[in-house]
Structures are given as structure tokens and as C-alpha cells.
């Protein structure tokens, strides 16, 4: 649900598990990545996100390039790089 929220321009607070850290740094102002299971850090980040203005339209436009076609192209680049080695 993280990518869906970001695609709508909604800033996120997300735990740094799986691919979340890479997603959160892929563009500016997507939100805040916090340590997993750190309730205090989560609350602080949530307050920061809620109190700071975000340009949702700009964020949604920046994130809109991450389509299924873009994802498939990146996967094929990895596969092609592996077969060349």
C-alpha cells in the first residue's frame, strides 16, 4: 500500500523493512522511513508529516513514472546484465 499512497501524492511514514528504504529515497519528499517497531520514532515522524505542508500534486507527478512498464524494463535490464556476465 506504500506505493499506492505515494502514487496519490500522500506522504508516508513507513518502517524500513524490505524495499521500503529504497522506495522512500527514490524521490524527494515522499515521507519518512523509520526503524521497524520503534513506536516513538513512528509517532514523531507521523506528527512531522501531518504538520508539514506537502505538494501532493507534485509528489504524485514525480512518482507517476513508476509504472508496470517501467518495472518490467528494470527487471529486463537486470536479467540482460546477468546473461552478459
C-alpha atoms as a PDB file:
ATOM      1  CA  UNK A   1       0.000   0.000   0.000  1.00  0.00           C
ATOM      2  CA  UNK A   2       3.034   2.273   0.263  1.00  0.00           C
ATOM      3  CA  UNK A   3       3.409   2.715  -3.485  1.00  0.00           C
ATOM      4  CA  UNK A   4      -0.321   3.298  -3.888  1.00  0.00           C
ATOM      5  CA  UNK A   5      -0.247   6.072  -1.280  1.00  0.00           C
ATOM      6  CA  UNK A   6       2.810   7.638  -2.893  1.00  0.00           C
ATOM      7  CA  UNK A   7       1.212   7.434  -6.337  1.00  0.00           C
ATOM      8  CA  UNK A   8      -1.654   9.530  -4.939  1.00  0.00           C
ATOM      9  CA  UNK A   9       0.820  12.092  -3.617  1.00  0.00           C
ATOM     10  CA  UNK A  10       0.222  11.147   0.007  1.00  0.00           C
ATOM     11  CA  UNK A  11       3.383  11.447   2.122  1.00  0.00           C
ATOM     12  CA  UNK A  12       4.090   8.257   4.022  1.00  0.00           C
ATOM     13  CA  UNK A  13       5.588   7.101   7.272  1.00  0.00           C
ATOM     14  CA  UNK A  14       6.886   3.588   6.746  1.00  0.00           C
ATOM     15  CA  UNK A  15       9.103   1.087   8.561  1.00  0.00           C
ATOM     16  CA  UNK A  16      12.481   0.351   6.999  1.00  0.00           C
ATOM     17  CA  UNK A  17      11.719  -3.232   6.002  1.00  0.00           C
ATOM     18  CA  UNK A  18      12.042  -4.901   2.613  1.00  0.00           C
ATOM     19  CA  UNK A  19      12.306  -2.430  -0.243  1.00  0.00           C
ATOM     20  CA  UNK A  20      10.781   0.462   1.728  1.00  0.00           C
ATOM     21  CA  UNK A  21      14.099   2.319   2.259  1.00  0.00           C
ATOM     22  CA  UNK A  22      14.876   2.227  -1.473  1.00  0.00           C
ATOM     23  CA  UNK A  23      11.382   3.397  -2.360  1.00  0.00           C
ATOM     24  CA  UNK A  24      11.449   6.245   0.157  1.00  0.00           C
ATOM     25  CA  UNK A  25      14.713   7.675  -1.198  1.00  0.00           C
ATOM     26  CA  UNK A  26      13.772   7.245  -4.866  1.00  0.00           C
ATOM     27  CA  UNK A  27      12.279  10.765  -4.967  1.00  0.00           C
ATOM     28  CA  UNK A  28      12.333  13.818  -2.708  1.00  0.00           C
ATOM     29  CA  UNK A  29       9.653  14.422  -0.074  1.00  0.00           C
ATOM     30  CA  UNK A  30       7.933  11.048  -0.176  1.00  0.00           C
ATOM     31  CA  UNK A  31       7.748  10.931   3.593  1.00  0.00           C
ATOM     32  CA  UNK A  32       9.804   9.406   6.371  1.00  0.00           C
ATOM     33  CA  UNK A  33      11.299   5.958   6.835  1.00  0.00           C
ATOM     34  CA  UNK A  34      11.575   4.860  10.486  1.00  0.00           C
ATOM     35  CA  UNK A  35      13.128   1.961  12.359  1.00  0.00           C
ATOM     36  CA  UNK A  36      10.890  -1.082  12.500  1.00  0.00           C
ATOM     37  CA  UNK A  37       8.936  -1.409  15.755  1.00  0.00           C
ATOM     38  CA  UNK A  38      10.129   1.963  17.126  1.00  0.00           C
ATOM     39  CA  UNK A  39       6.813   3.445  18.259  1.00  0.00           C
ATOM     40  CA  UNK A  40       8.334   6.718  19.469  1.00  0.00           C
ATOM     41  CA  UNK A  41      10.088   7.334  16.157  1.00  0.00           C
ATOM     42  CA  UNK A  42       6.916   6.405  14.284  1.00  0.00           C
ATOM     43  CA  UNK A  43       4.804   8.865  16.305  1.00  0.00           C
ATOM     44  CA  UNK A  44       7.357  11.649  15.835  1.00  0.00           C
ATOM     45  CA  UNK A  45       7.570  11.036  12.081  1.00  0.00           C
ATOM     46  CA  UNK A  46       3.794  10.909  11.768  1.00  0.00           C
ATOM     47  CA  UNK A  47       3.459  14.246  13.566  1.00  0.00           C
ATOM     48  CA  UNK A  48       6.105  15.774  11.295  1.00  0.00           C
ATOM     49  CA  UNK A  49       4.371  14.538   8.146  1.00  0.00           C
ATOM     50  CA  UNK A  50       0.979  15.766   9.318  1.00  0.00           C
ATOM     51  CA  UNK A  51       2.249  19.203  10.370  1.00  0.00           C
ATOM     52  CA  UNK A  52       4.345  19.974   7.281  1.00  0.00           C
ATOM     53  CA  UNK A  53       2.722  21.059   4.029  1.00  0.00           C
ATOM     54  CA  UNK A  54       3.246  18.733   1.079  1.00  0.00           C
ATOM     55  CA  UNK A  55       2.524  19.429  -2.559  1.00  0.00           C
ATOM     56  CA  UNK A  56       0.540  16.265  -3.222  1.00  0.00           C
ATOM     57  CA  UNK A  57       0.104  17.018  -6.918  1.00  0.00           C
ATOM     58  CA  UNK A  58       3.863  17.469  -7.421  1.00  0.00           C
ATOM     59  CA  UNK A  59       4.636  14.309  -5.453  1.00  0.00           C
ATOM     60  CA  UNK A  60       2.092  12.279  -7.413  1.00  0.00           C
ATOM     61  CA  UNK A  61       3.500  13.559 -10.702  1.00  0.00           C
ATOM     62  CA  UNK A  62       7.063  12.660  -9.692  1.00  0.00           C
ATOM     63  CA  UNK A  63       6.041   9.172  -8.590  1.00  0.00           C
ATOM     64  CA  UNK A  64       3.846   8.510 -11.638  1.00  0.00           C
ATOM     65  CA  UNK A  65       6.826   7.386 -13.733  1.00  0.00           C
ATOM     66  CA  UNK A  66       6.954   4.117 -11.760  1.00  0.00           C
ATOM     67  CA  UNK A  67       4.547   2.160 -13.931  1.00  0.00           C
ATOM     68  CA  UNK A  68       4.314  -1.571 -14.622  1.00  0.00           C
ATOM     69  CA  UNK A  69       6.181  -0.946 -17.896  1.00  0.00           C
ATOM     70  CA  UNK A  70       8.972   0.849 -16.026  1.00  0.00           C
ATOM     71  CA  UNK A  71       9.192  -2.043 -13.557  1.00  0.00           C
ATOM     72  CA  UNK A  72       9.303  -4.635 -16.352  1.00  0.00           C
ATOM     73  CA  UNK A  73      12.057  -2.679 -18.095  1.00  0.00           C
ATOM     74  CA  UNK A  74      14.153  -2.614 -14.900  1.00  0.00           C
ATOM     75  CA  UNK A  75      13.682  -6.368 -14.433  1.00  0.00           C
ATOM     76  CA  UNK A  76      14.773  -6.993 -18.025  1.00  0.00           C
ATOM     77  CA  UNK A  77      17.856  -4.809 -17.509  1.00  0.00           C
ATOM     78  CA  UNK A  78      18.875  -6.969 -14.555  1.00  0.00           C
ATOM     79  CA  UNK A  79      18.229 -10.184 -16.485  1.00  0.00           C
ATOM     80  CA  UNK A  80      20.170  -8.946 -19.518  1.00  0.00           C
ATOM     81  CA  UNK A  81      23.080  -7.816 -17.336  1.00  0.00           C
ATOM     82  CA  UNK A  82      23.214 -11.260 -15.686  1.00  0.00           C
ATOM     83  CA  UNK A  83      23.219 -13.087 -19.026  1.00  0.00           C
ATOM     84  CA  UNK A  84      26.070 -10.919 -20.325  1.00  0.00           C
ATOM     85  CA  UNK A  85      28.301 -11.831 -17.373  1.00  0.00           C
END
